[in-house]
Amino acid sequence: MTNPDALIPKTMTAIEITEHGDPEVLKPTTRPTPTPTGNEVLIRIKAAGINRPEVLQRRGFYPPPPGATDIPGLEAAGEIAALGPEVSGFTVGDKVCALLPGGGYAQYATVDAGACLPIPKGLSFVEAAAIPETFFTVWANVFDDAGLKPGEMLLVHGGTSGIGVTAIAMAKAVGARVIATAGSDEKCAALKGLGVDAAYHYENDPWDQKIAESGGVDVVLDMAGGDFVSRNIACLNPGGRHVSIAFLRGPEATINILTIMQKHLRLSGSTMKSRSPSEKLRLANGLRTYIWPLIEVGKIKPAIDSTFSFVEAAKAHRRMESGEHLGKIVLKMT
């Protein structure tokens, strides 16, 4: 390790999952402070985002990838406290946000330098902590994979979620149009405030019929899965792209293959957690080149729903599970 920091403690406070269950299983604990190796950096965490995969991990449905810490937390912002011997391009003291394989609910975390980005100018640590997981996910799926273009129409399910508001902001910033769904009339009104071209209540409205009748969509960002997949396909235009990133309505779907063939559709899906360091570096470079300038001039701004202190992780998870949030929930270190 280079650039050792004498102020780095040997132990740190972290939030661990004591057993699988309700949010109250998230408890503070003392762990050894990790040491960066190879191309890793050690981040002194100032804020960490809350994401649905961490809720699933807490419930026992989404284990960390091999070799990753069991401490939850897939994104964080802070200052680089130390560098591994192979790191270049960063120095101790740099303010960064990072996409983590885990470990964000802690005072310190190590991560491959390729998954780090400088905090965009003008953003606080809390705002920066709300960026990595959602921005990496939207960039990878909507832009890198599905190739959303200016003037095309994007359909986003769960539009008031962290992923949803990020997808809306990024798509609108590059000149695309957006249709979104939500689970209440109040959320649909909030979506219109975010600038969507149309918003539908996904339980009460025949959204697939209305979208098809209004001209269809070119890209679907789907977090629902289940019965929504066939309905998504029905309202996709010829040459449309369907990307799956979650399956809140179930992992199995019945689809009409003939429709896919006739419309020349493309269906894909991915997870961010399992991507290799080289893949995350490639995505980070894309974000830095095309999206960071839009953040720094104010065309895209992270939407923060609420903040909780580090030791209130259980309350933060309760907020996420309530489904009432609009934007990102963030833990703030004290």
Protein backbone atom coordinates (compact mmCIF):
# COMPACT_ATOMS: atom_id res chain seq x y z
CA MET A 1 0.00 0.00 0.00
CA THR A 2 1.30 3.47 -0.87
CA ASN A 3 0.56 6.80 0.72
CA PRO A 4 -0.24 5.31 4.15
CA ASP A 5 -2.45 7.50 6.30
CA ALA A 6 -1.46 7.37 9.95
CA LEU A 7 -4.94 8.51 10.91
CA ILE A 8 -6.61 5.40 9.51
CA PRO A 9 -7.86 3.38 12.49
CA LYS A 10 -7.27 -0.35 12.74
CA THR A 11 -10.97 -0.94 13.31
CA MET A 12 -14.12 0.74 12.06
CA THR A 13 -17.83 0.80 12.72
CA ALA A 14 -19.98 -0.97 10.15
CA ILE A 15 -23.59 -2.07 9.82
CA GLU A 16 -23.90 -5.83 9.52
CA ILE A 17 -26.79 -8.15 8.80
CA THR A 18 -27.03 -10.19 12.00
CA GLU A 19 -29.57 -12.59 10.50
CA HIS A 20 -31.96 -12.57 7.57
CA GLY A 21 -35.19 -10.76 8.32
CA ASP A 22 -36.76 -7.39 9.02
CA PRO A 23 -34.79 -4.11 8.97
CA GLU A 24 -34.01 -4.43 12.69
CA VAL A 25 -31.45 -7.14 11.88
CA LEU A 26 -29.16 -4.31 10.68
CA LYS A 27 -26.90 -3.63 13.66
CA PRO A 28 -23.71 -1.61 14.25
CA THR A 29 -20.61 -3.72 14.74
CA THR A 30 -16.84 -3.31 14.86
CA ARG A 31 -14.81 -4.71 11.97
CA PRO A 32 -11.15 -4.47 10.93
CA THR A 33 -10.57 -1.54 8.61
CA PRO A 34 -9.86 -3.04 5.16
CA THR A 35 -6.50 -2.52 3.48
CA PRO A 36 -6.38 -1.75 -0.25
CA THR A 37 -4.38 -4.13 -2.45
CA GLY A 38 -3.55 -4.12 -6.14
CA ASN A 39 -5.66 -1.56 -7.97
CA GLU A 40 -7.91 -0.85 -4.99
CA VAL A 41 -8.46 2.40 -3.12
CA LEU A 42 -9.60 2.82 0.48
CA ILE A 43 -12.46 5.30 0.79
CA ARG A 44 -13.27 7.16 4.01
CA ILE A 45 -17.02 7.12 3.55
CA LYS A 46 -19.09 10.26 4.11
CA ALA A 47 -22.41 9.05 2.71
CA ALA A 48 -23.85 5.83 1.27
CA GLY A 49 -26.89 5.19 -0.91
CA ILE A 50 -29.63 2.70 -0.09
CA ASN A 51 -30.63 0.29 -2.85
CA ARG A 52 -33.19 -2.47 -3.24
CA PRO A 53 -30.53 -5.21 -3.72
CA GLU A 54 -29.40 -4.47 -0.16
CA VAL A 55 -32.95 -5.04 1.04
CA LEU A 56 -32.94 -8.37 -0.80
CA GLN A 57 -29.53 -9.22 0.71
CA ARG A 58 -30.90 -8.46 4.18
CA ARG A 59 -33.81 -10.82 3.51
CA GLY A 60 -31.45 -13.56 2.33
CA PHE A 61 -32.28 -13.45 -1.38
CA TYR A 62 -29.25 -11.67 -2.87
CA PRO A 63 -25.91 -12.84 -1.45
CA PRO A 64 -22.73 -10.86 -2.09
CA PRO A 65 -20.58 -12.06 -5.00
CA PRO A 66 -17.66 -14.39 -4.23
CA GLY A 67 -14.87 -12.59 -2.41
CA ALA A 68 -16.96 -9.53 -1.52
CA THR A 69 -17.63 -8.38 2.02
CA ASP A 70 -20.89 -9.34 3.71
CA ILE A 71 -21.36 -5.70 4.80
CA PRO A 72 -24.18 -4.27 2.65
CA GLY A 73 -23.89 -1.11 0.60
CA LEU A 74 -23.39 -0.83 -3.17
CA GLU A 75 -22.51 2.85 -3.49
CA ALA A 76 -20.79 5.51 -1.45
CA ALA A 77 -19.08 8.88 -1.59
CA GLY A 78 -16.13 10.11 0.42
CA GLU A 79 -12.41 10.78 0.36
CA ILE A 80 -9.64 8.46 -0.70
CA ALA A 81 -7.71 7.54 2.44
CA ALA A 82 -5.12 5.17 0.94
CA LEU A 83 -4.06 3.62 -2.36
CA GLY A 84 -3.13 0.13 -3.39
CA PRO A 85 0.31 -0.26 -5.05
CA GLU A 86 -1.08 -0.49 -8.61
CA VAL A 87 -3.40 2.55 -8.51
CA SER A 88 -2.81 5.45 -10.87
CA GLY A 89 -4.92 8.49 -11.61
CA PHE A 90 -6.04 9.05 -8.00
CA THR A 91 -4.34 10.55 -4.97
CA VAL A 92 -5.04 10.48 -1.24
CA GLY A 93 -7.62 13.14 -0.42
CA ASP A 94 -9.47 12.97 -3.74
CA LYS A 95 -13.24 13.25 -3.34
CA VAL A 96 -14.88 10.36 -5.14
CA CYS A 97 -18.07 8.38 -5.49
CA ALA A 98 -17.86 4.66 -6.17
CA LEU A 99 -19.84 1.62 -7.24
CA LEU A 100 -19.08 -1.02 -4.62
CA PRO A 101 -19.43 -4.82 -4.59
CA GLY A 102 -20.48 -4.31 -0.96
CA GLY A 103 -19.28 -2.56 2.18
CA GLY A 104 -20.90 0.86 1.84
CA TYR A 105 -22.57 0.76 5.24
CA ALA A 106 -19.26 1.36 6.98
CA GLN A 107 -16.76 4.07 7.83
CA TYR A 108 -14.28 2.70 5.29
CA ALA A 109 -14.49 0.50 2.20
CA THR A 110 -12.10 -0.75 -0.46
CA VAL A 111 -13.02 -0.82 -4.13
CA ASP A 112 -11.25 -1.24 -7.46
CA ALA A 113 -10.16 2.19 -8.68
CA GLY A 114 -11.92 1.55 -11.98
CA ALA A 115 -15.28 1.76 -10.20
CA CYS A 116 -14.49 5.21 -8.79
CA LEU A 117 -15.33 8.58 -10.29
CA PRO A 118 -14.53 12.09 -9.13
CA ILE A 119 -17.49 13.77 -7.48
CA PRO A 120 -19.07 16.10 -10.07
CA LYS A 121 -18.43 19.76 -9.36
CA GLY A 122 -21.05 21.36 -7.17
CA LEU A 123 -22.39 18.17 -5.56
CA SER A 124 -22.35 17.35 -1.86
CA PHE A 125 -21.26 13.97 -0.50
CA VAL A 126 -24.93 13.06 0.03
CA GLU A 127 -25.82 13.92 -3.57
CA ALA A 128 -22.76 12.09 -4.88
CA ALA A 129 -23.60 8.97 -2.86
CA ALA A 130 -26.92 8.83 -4.71
CA ILE A 131 -25.20 8.54 -8.08
CA PRO A 132 -23.17 5.35 -8.62
CA GLU A 133 -25.62 2.43 -8.47
CA THR A 134 -28.45 4.13 -10.34
CA PHE A 135 -26.32 6.03 -12.85
CA PHE A 136 -24.14 3.01 -13.66
CA THR A 137 -27.27 0.86 -14.02
CA VAL A 138 -29.15 3.30 -16.25
CA TRP A 139 -26.11 4.06 -18.39
CA ALA A 140 -25.27 0.36 -18.82
CA ASN A 141 -28.78 -0.75 -19.69
CA VAL A 142 -30.60 2.17 -21.30
CA PHE A 143 -27.71 3.75 -23.19
CA ASP A 144 -24.86 1.25 -23.55
CA ASP A 145 -27.04 -1.81 -24.14
CA ALA A 146 -30.36 -0.52 -25.49
CA GLY A 147 -28.78 2.45 -27.28
CA LEU A 148 -31.48 5.03 -26.47
CA LYS A 149 -31.23 7.93 -28.93
CA PRO A 150 -32.47 11.53 -28.89
CA GLY A 151 -36.11 11.66 -29.98
CA GLU A 152 -36.85 8.05 -29.04
CA MET A 153 -39.43 7.10 -26.41
CA LEU A 154 -38.41 5.32 -23.19
CA LEU A 155 -40.81 3.47 -20.90
CA VAL A 156 -39.73 3.26 -17.25
CA HIS A 157 -41.62 1.19 -14.71
CA GLY A 158 -41.35 2.28 -11.07
CA GLY A 159 -40.64 5.83 -12.17
CA THR A 160 -40.40 7.29 -8.65
CA SER A 161 -37.70 4.84 -7.52
CA GLY A 162 -34.05 5.81 -7.46
CA ILE A 163 -33.48 4.02 -10.76
CA GLY A 164 -36.66 5.53 -12.18
CA VAL A 165 -35.92 9.18 -11.45
CA THR A 166 -32.36 8.71 -12.70
CA ALA A 167 -33.54 7.15 -15.97
CA ILE A 168 -36.03 9.97 -16.48
CA ALA A 169 -33.42 12.67 -15.82
CA MET A 170 -30.75 11.10 -18.03
CA ALA A 171 -33.13 10.37 -20.91
CA LYS A 172 -34.63 13.87 -20.88
CA ALA A 173 -31.18 15.44 -20.68
CA VAL A 174 -30.09 13.76 -23.92
CA GLY A 175 -33.27 14.66 -25.78
CA ALA A 176 -35.31 11.48 -25.46
CA ARG A 177 -38.96 11.31 -24.43
CA VAL A 178 -40.18 9.34 -21.41
CA ILE A 179 -43.30 7.51 -20.30
CA ALA A 180 -43.31 6.21 -16.72
CA THR A 181 -45.55 4.16 -14.47
CA ALA A 182 -46.12 4.33 -10.71
CA GLY A 183 -48.37 2.78 -8.10
CA SER A 184 -50.51 5.75 -7.05
CA ASP A 185 -52.12 8.88 -8.46
CA GLU A 186 -49.87 10.97 -6.21
CA LYS A 187 -46.77 9.35 -7.66
CA CYS A 188 -48.06 9.84 -11.19
CA ALA A 189 -48.46 13.54 -10.41
CA ALA A 190 -44.90 13.59 -9.06
CA LEU A 191 -43.68 11.96 -12.28
CA LYS A 192 -45.27 14.72 -14.34
CA GLY A 193 -43.37 17.16 -12.15
CA LEU A 194 -40.18 15.37 -13.21
CA GLY A 195 -40.98 16.12 -16.84
CA VAL A 196 -42.28 12.81 -18.18
CA ASP A 197 -44.38 12.96 -21.34
CA ALA A 198 -47.01 10.65 -19.81
CA ALA A 199 -47.53 8.85 -16.51
CA TYR A 200 -49.77 5.84 -15.84
CA HIS A 201 -50.98 4.09 -12.69
CA TYR A 202 -49.69 0.59 -13.37
CA GLU A 203 -52.50 -1.12 -11.43
CA ASN A 204 -55.48 0.95 -12.54
CA ASP A 205 -54.60 2.08 -16.08
CA PRO A 206 -54.43 -0.14 -19.18
CA TRP A 207 -51.03 1.42 -19.75
CA ASP A 208 -49.90 -1.00 -22.44
CA GLN A 209 -52.96 -0.32 -24.56
CA LYS A 210 -52.71 3.44 -24.09
CA ILE A 211 -49.00 3.46 -24.95
CA ALA A 212 -49.53 1.35 -28.07
CA GLU A 213 -52.38 3.61 -29.20
CA SER A 214 -50.28 6.75 -28.64
CA GLY A 215 -47.40 5.57 -30.82
CA GLY A 216 -45.52 2.98 -28.74
CA VAL A 217 -42.07 3.10 -27.21
CA ASP A 218 -38.58 2.30 -28.45
CA VAL A 219 -36.92 1.17 -25.21
CA VAL A 220 -38.34 -0.37 -22.02
CA LEU A 221 -36.42 -0.29 -18.74
CA ASP A 222 -38.20 -3.01 -16.78
CA MET A 223 -37.91 -3.62 -13.04
CA ALA A 224 -41.22 -5.47 -12.79
CA GLY A 225 -40.78 -8.68 -14.74
CA GLY A 226 -43.53 -11.26 -14.47
CA ASP A 227 -46.73 -10.39 -16.31
CA PHE A 228 -45.41 -6.97 -17.32
CA VAL A 229 -42.94 -8.42 -19.82
CA SER A 230 -45.55 -9.51 -22.36
CA ARG A 231 -47.33 -6.18 -21.96
CA ASN A 232 -44.05 -4.34 -22.53
CA ILE A 233 -43.45 -6.30 -25.71
CA ALA A 234 -46.94 -5.45 -26.94
CA CYS A 235 -46.25 -1.71 -26.81
CA LEU A 236 -42.71 -1.81 -28.21
CA ASN A 237 -42.21 -0.37 -31.69
CA PRO A 238 -40.47 -2.33 -34.45
CA GLY A 239 -36.77 -2.51 -33.64
CA GLY A 240 -37.51 -1.91 -29.95
CA ARG A 241 -35.25 -2.95 -27.09
CA HIS A 242 -36.35 -4.39 -23.74
CA VAL A 243 -33.89 -4.42 -20.83
CA SER A 244 -34.64 -6.24 -17.56
CA ILE A 245 -32.89 -5.21 -14.35
CA ALA A 246 -35.22 -6.67 -11.68
CA PHE A 247 -38.32 -8.81 -11.31
CA LEU A 248 -40.50 -7.39 -8.55
CA ARG A 249 -43.54 -9.13 -10.06
CA GLY A 250 -41.72 -12.45 -10.43
CA PRO A 251 -38.79 -13.93 -12.40
CA GLU A 252 -40.91 -15.89 -14.89
CA ALA A 253 -42.75 -14.47 -17.90
CA THR A 254 -44.75 -15.87 -20.83
CA ILE A 255 -43.90 -14.13 -24.10
CA ASN A 256 -44.96 -14.42 -27.73
CA ILE A 257 -41.85 -15.31 -29.71
CA LEU A 258 -43.61 -14.57 -33.00
CA THR A 259 -44.15 -10.96 -31.90
CA ILE A 260 -40.47 -10.65 -31.08
CA MET A 261 -39.57 -11.98 -34.52
CA GLN A 262 -42.08 -9.87 -36.44
CA LYS A 263 -41.09 -6.65 -34.67
CA HIS A 264 -37.34 -7.44 -34.72
CA LEU A 265 -37.17 -6.86 -30.96
CA ARG A 266 -34.18 -7.35 -28.71
CA LEU A 267 -34.52 -8.53 -25.12
CA SER A 268 -31.62 -8.34 -22.68
CA GLY A 269 -30.94 -8.15 -18.97
CA SER A 270 -28.10 -7.71 -16.53
CA THR A 271 -27.01 -7.20 -12.95
CA MET A 272 -24.43 -4.64 -11.94
CA LYS A 273 -23.11 -6.47 -8.88
CA SER A 274 -21.46 -9.29 -10.84
CA ARG A 275 -19.74 -7.17 -13.51
CA SER A 276 -15.96 -7.38 -13.73
CA PRO A 277 -13.65 -4.49 -12.76
CA SER A 278 -12.77 -3.93 -16.43
CA GLU A 279 -16.45 -3.70 -17.35
CA LYS A 280 -17.12 -1.23 -14.55
CA LEU A 281 -14.16 0.86 -15.70
CA ARG A 282 -15.56 0.95 -19.23
CA LEU A 283 -18.94 2.09 -17.95
CA ALA A 284 -17.32 4.65 -15.64
CA ASN A 285 -15.45 6.15 -18.57
CA GLY A 286 -18.71 6.46 -20.49
CA LEU A 287 -20.39 8.22 -17.59
CA ARG A 288 -17.47 10.58 -17.12
CA THR A 289 -17.41 11.47 -20.81
CA TYR A 290 -21.12 11.86 -21.55
CA ILE A 291 -23.04 12.27 -18.29
CA TRP A 292 -20.71 14.07 -15.85
CA PRO A 293 -20.71 17.27 -17.98
CA LEU A 294 -24.52 17.27 -17.91
CA ILE A 295 -24.49 16.97 -14.10
CA GLU A 296 -21.96 19.77 -13.73
CA VAL A 297 -24.04 22.23 -15.78
CA GLY A 298 -27.21 21.33 -13.89
CA LYS A 299 -29.05 19.40 -16.62
CA ILE A 300 -29.10 16.31 -14.40
CA LYS A 301 -29.36 16.46 -10.62
CA PRO A 302 -29.56 13.51 -8.22
CA ALA A 303 -33.01 13.34 -6.63
CA ILE A 304 -32.72 12.84 -2.87
CA ASP A 305 -35.80 11.55 -1.05
CA SER A 306 -34.42 11.48 2.49
CA THR A 307 -31.29 11.09 4.58
CA PHE A 308 -30.70 9.06 7.71
CA SER A 309 -27.76 8.88 10.08
CA PHE A 310 -25.39 5.96 9.65
CA VAL A 311 -26.81 4.07 12.66
CA GLU A 312 -30.37 4.49 11.36
CA ALA A 313 -29.92 1.99 8.54
CA ALA A 314 -32.98 0.07 9.73
CA LYS A 315 -35.14 3.21 9.42
CA ALA A 316 -33.73 3.82 5.94
CA HIS A 317 -34.68 0.29 4.88
CA ARG A 318 -38.15 0.80 6.32
CA ARG A 319 -38.49 3.91 4.19
CA MET A 320 -37.50 2.01 1.06
CA GLU A 321 -39.85 -0.87 1.79
CA SER A 322 -42.74 1.54 2.35
CA GLY A 323 -42.63 2.40 -1.35
CA GLU A 324 -43.33 6.04 -0.53
CA HIS A 325 -39.96 7.44 -1.52
CA LEU A 326 -39.34 9.68 -4.52
CA GLY A 327 -35.69 9.39 -5.45
CA LYS A 328 -32.75 8.11 -3.43
CA ILE A 329 -32.49 7.35 0.28
CA VAL A 330 -29.03 8.10 1.68
CA LEU A 331 -27.14 7.26 4.87
CA LYS A 332 -25.01 10.12 6.17
CA MET A 333 -21.95 9.39 8.26
CA THR A 334 -21.55 11.44 11.43
